[in-house]
N, C-alpha and C. Protein backbone atom coordinates (compact mmCIF):
# COMPACT_ATOMS: atom_id res chain seq x y z
N MET A 1 17.57 48.04 79.19
CA MET A 1 17.55 48.47 77.81
C MET A 1 18.86 49.26 77.63
N SER A 2 19.52 49.03 76.48
CA SER A 2 20.74 49.82 76.19
C SER A 2 20.41 51.15 75.65
N GLU A 3 21.32 52.06 75.89
CA GLU A 3 21.20 53.47 75.39
C GLU A 3 21.35 53.52 73.87
N ILE A 4 20.49 54.20 73.17
CA ILE A 4 20.56 54.31 71.71
C ILE A 4 21.58 55.43 71.38
N ASN A 5 22.51 55.26 70.48
CA ASN A 5 23.48 56.21 70.08
C ASN A 5 23.03 56.81 68.74
N TYR A 6 22.33 57.97 68.88
CA TYR A 6 21.84 58.64 67.65
C TYR A 6 22.95 59.17 66.77
N ASN A 7 24.04 59.50 67.35
CA ASN A 7 25.17 60.05 66.65
C ASN A 7 25.79 59.07 65.61
N GLN A 8 25.54 57.71 65.86
CA GLN A 8 26.12 56.71 64.97
C GLN A 8 25.18 56.51 63.81
N MET A 9 23.95 57.03 63.87
CA MET A 9 22.97 56.82 62.79
C MET A 9 23.14 57.84 61.71
N SER A 10 22.91 57.46 60.49
CA SER A 10 22.89 58.36 59.37
C SER A 10 21.64 59.22 59.50
N ASP A 11 21.60 60.23 58.75
CA ASP A 11 20.39 61.17 58.81
C ASP A 11 19.15 60.36 58.48
N GLN A 12 19.20 59.52 57.45
CA GLN A 12 18.05 58.70 57.07
C GLN A 12 17.71 57.63 58.13
N GLU A 13 18.65 57.01 58.75
CA GLU A 13 18.45 56.09 59.86
C GLU A 13 17.77 56.77 61.00
N LEU A 14 18.34 57.95 61.40
CA LEU A 14 17.71 58.70 62.53
C LEU A 14 16.29 59.12 62.27
N ARG A 15 16.05 59.54 61.01
CA ARG A 15 14.61 59.94 60.56
C ARG A 15 13.71 58.78 60.67
N GLN A 16 14.16 57.63 60.16
CA GLN A 16 13.33 56.46 60.23
C GLN A 16 13.09 56.01 61.70
N TYR A 17 14.13 55.97 62.47
CA TYR A 17 14.02 55.63 63.85
C TYR A 17 13.04 56.52 64.59
N PHE A 18 13.15 57.82 64.37
CA PHE A 18 12.14 58.76 64.92
C PHE A 18 10.77 58.48 64.53
N LEU A 19 10.53 58.24 63.27
CA LEU A 19 9.18 57.98 62.73
C LEU A 19 8.62 56.64 63.36
N GLU A 20 9.45 55.72 63.70
CA GLU A 20 9.03 54.47 64.26
C GLU A 20 8.90 54.57 65.80
N HIS A 21 9.43 55.59 66.43
CA HIS A 21 9.43 55.70 67.87
C HIS A 21 8.94 57.11 68.23
N LYS A 22 7.82 57.58 67.75
CA LYS A 22 7.35 58.96 67.94
C LYS A 22 7.15 59.35 69.38
N ASN A 23 6.94 58.46 70.26
CA ASN A 23 6.72 58.74 71.65
C ASN A 23 8.05 58.79 72.45
N GLU A 24 9.13 58.59 71.80
CA GLU A 24 10.48 58.70 72.42
C GLU A 24 11.02 60.04 72.36
N GLN A 25 10.94 60.77 73.48
CA GLN A 25 11.37 62.16 73.54
C GLN A 25 12.83 62.41 73.06
N SER A 26 13.70 61.50 73.46
CA SER A 26 15.13 61.63 73.11
C SER A 26 15.35 61.47 71.61
N ALA A 27 14.54 60.66 70.99
CA ALA A 27 14.64 60.45 69.48
C ALA A 27 14.17 61.80 68.81
N LEU A 28 13.10 62.39 69.34
CA LEU A 28 12.68 63.63 68.80
C LEU A 28 13.77 64.74 68.93
N GLN A 29 14.37 64.81 70.12
CA GLN A 29 15.38 65.81 70.36
C GLN A 29 16.60 65.62 69.48
N ALA A 30 17.02 64.39 69.27
CA ALA A 30 18.16 64.15 68.42
C ALA A 30 17.83 64.53 66.99
N TYR A 31 16.66 64.15 66.55
CA TYR A 31 16.22 64.46 65.14
C TYR A 31 16.19 65.98 64.96
N LEU A 32 15.56 66.73 65.85
CA LEU A 32 15.48 68.16 65.70
C LEU A 32 16.83 68.88 65.76
N GLN A 33 17.72 68.33 66.66
CA GLN A 33 19.04 68.93 66.75
C GLN A 33 19.77 68.69 65.39
N ARG A 34 19.69 67.52 64.93
CA ARG A 34 20.38 67.22 63.64
C ARG A 34 19.78 68.10 62.52
N ARG A 35 18.52 68.22 62.47
CA ARG A 35 17.91 69.10 61.42
C ARG A 35 18.32 70.58 61.49
N ASN A 36 18.44 71.12 62.77
CA ASN A 36 18.84 72.43 62.93
C ASN A 36 20.27 72.74 62.59
N LYS A 37 21.11 71.68 62.67
CA LYS A 37 22.56 71.91 62.31
C LYS A 37 22.73 71.96 60.81
N GLN A 38 21.79 71.47 60.08
CA GLN A 38 21.96 71.46 58.59
C GLN A 38 21.87 72.92 58.03
N PRO A 39 22.71 73.22 57.04
CA PRO A 39 22.64 74.55 56.46
C PRO A 39 21.29 74.83 55.85
N LYS A 40 20.92 76.12 56.02
CA LYS A 40 19.64 76.60 55.46
C LYS A 40 19.85 77.05 53.99
N GLN A 41 19.03 76.68 53.12
CA GLN A 41 19.16 77.08 51.79
C GLN A 41 18.12 78.11 51.44
N VAL A 42 18.55 79.23 50.85
CA VAL A 42 17.61 80.27 50.33
C VAL A 42 17.22 79.87 48.91
N ILE A 43 15.96 79.65 48.66
CA ILE A 43 15.45 79.27 47.41
C ILE A 43 15.24 80.44 46.48
N THR A 44 14.61 81.46 47.04
CA THR A 44 14.26 82.63 46.33
C THR A 44 13.93 83.74 47.36
N LYS A 45 13.66 84.91 46.76
CA LYS A 45 13.35 86.07 47.68
C LYS A 45 12.01 86.67 47.16
N VAL A 46 11.28 87.30 48.04
CA VAL A 46 10.05 87.99 47.65
C VAL A 46 10.35 89.03 46.69
N GLY A 47 9.56 89.12 45.64
CA GLY A 47 9.83 90.10 44.53
C GLY A 47 10.51 89.52 43.33
N ASP A 48 11.13 88.30 43.53
CA ASP A 48 11.79 87.60 42.39
C ASP A 48 10.69 87.26 41.40
N PRO A 49 10.87 87.67 40.11
CA PRO A 49 9.92 87.38 39.08
C PRO A 49 9.69 85.88 38.85
N ASP A 50 10.59 85.07 39.22
CA ASP A 50 10.42 83.63 39.03
C ASP A 50 10.11 82.89 40.39
N PHE A 51 9.65 83.67 41.36
CA PHE A 51 9.39 83.10 42.68
C PHE A 51 8.61 81.84 42.63
N ASP A 52 7.40 81.80 41.97
CA ASP A 52 6.55 80.62 41.91
C ASP A 52 7.29 79.48 41.29
N VAL A 53 8.08 79.70 40.23
CA VAL A 53 8.78 78.58 39.53
C VAL A 53 9.84 77.96 40.49
N LYS A 54 10.57 78.85 41.07
CA LYS A 54 11.65 78.42 41.93
C LYS A 54 11.12 77.60 43.18
N ILE A 55 10.01 78.09 43.77
CA ILE A 55 9.43 77.35 44.90
C ILE A 55 8.91 75.95 44.38
N GLU A 56 8.25 76.00 43.23
CA GLU A 56 7.72 74.68 42.73
C GLU A 56 8.81 73.69 42.43
N GLN A 57 9.95 74.17 41.87
CA GLN A 57 11.05 73.28 41.58
C GLN A 57 11.62 72.81 42.87
N ALA A 58 11.77 73.62 43.93
CA ALA A 58 12.29 73.18 45.21
C ALA A 58 11.42 72.10 45.81
N ILE A 59 10.15 72.29 45.72
CA ILE A 59 9.16 71.29 46.32
C ILE A 59 9.32 69.96 45.54
N LYS A 60 9.41 69.99 44.21
CA LYS A 60 9.50 68.82 43.44
C LYS A 60 10.84 68.09 43.72
N GLU A 61 11.92 68.82 43.88
CA GLU A 61 13.16 68.19 44.19
C GLU A 61 13.18 67.58 45.64
N LYS A 62 12.52 68.20 46.57
CA LYS A 62 12.38 67.65 47.91
C LYS A 62 11.55 66.37 47.89
N ILE A 63 10.48 66.39 47.11
CA ILE A 63 9.68 65.15 46.96
C ILE A 63 10.47 64.07 46.28
N ARG A 64 11.19 64.39 45.28
CA ARG A 64 11.99 63.32 44.54
C ARG A 64 13.06 62.74 45.51
N LYS A 65 13.68 63.54 46.26
CA LYS A 65 14.68 63.05 47.26
C LYS A 65 14.04 62.13 48.30
N GLU A 66 12.86 62.53 48.75
CA GLU A 66 12.19 61.68 49.74
C GLU A 66 11.79 60.33 49.17
N ILE A 67 11.34 60.27 47.91
CA ILE A 67 10.97 59.09 47.31
C ILE A 67 12.14 58.13 47.13
N ILE A 68 13.34 58.67 46.78
CA ILE A 68 14.51 57.90 46.50
C ILE A 68 14.96 57.18 47.86
N PHE A 69 14.84 57.86 49.00
CA PHE A 69 15.22 57.27 50.26
C PHE A 69 14.16 56.41 50.73
C-alpha cells in the first residue's frame, strides 16, 4: 500500500479522509497537527456585556461554514 501524503490534501480533504479512516493513527495525527497550526481566534472575553451574543454568532458562523463544505 502506498504512503498517504497528508500535506498535499486541503484542510477539507484531510478532514474528510480522517472521518472516513478513524482507526488510522497517522490520519488522526496529521489532522490534529494541522488544526493546531491554525491561528486561534478570540471571540470575546469574560465580562463582555455582549458575551452571549458573540458566542452565539460564532457558533452560527461555524455551523454555516460546516454546512457549506
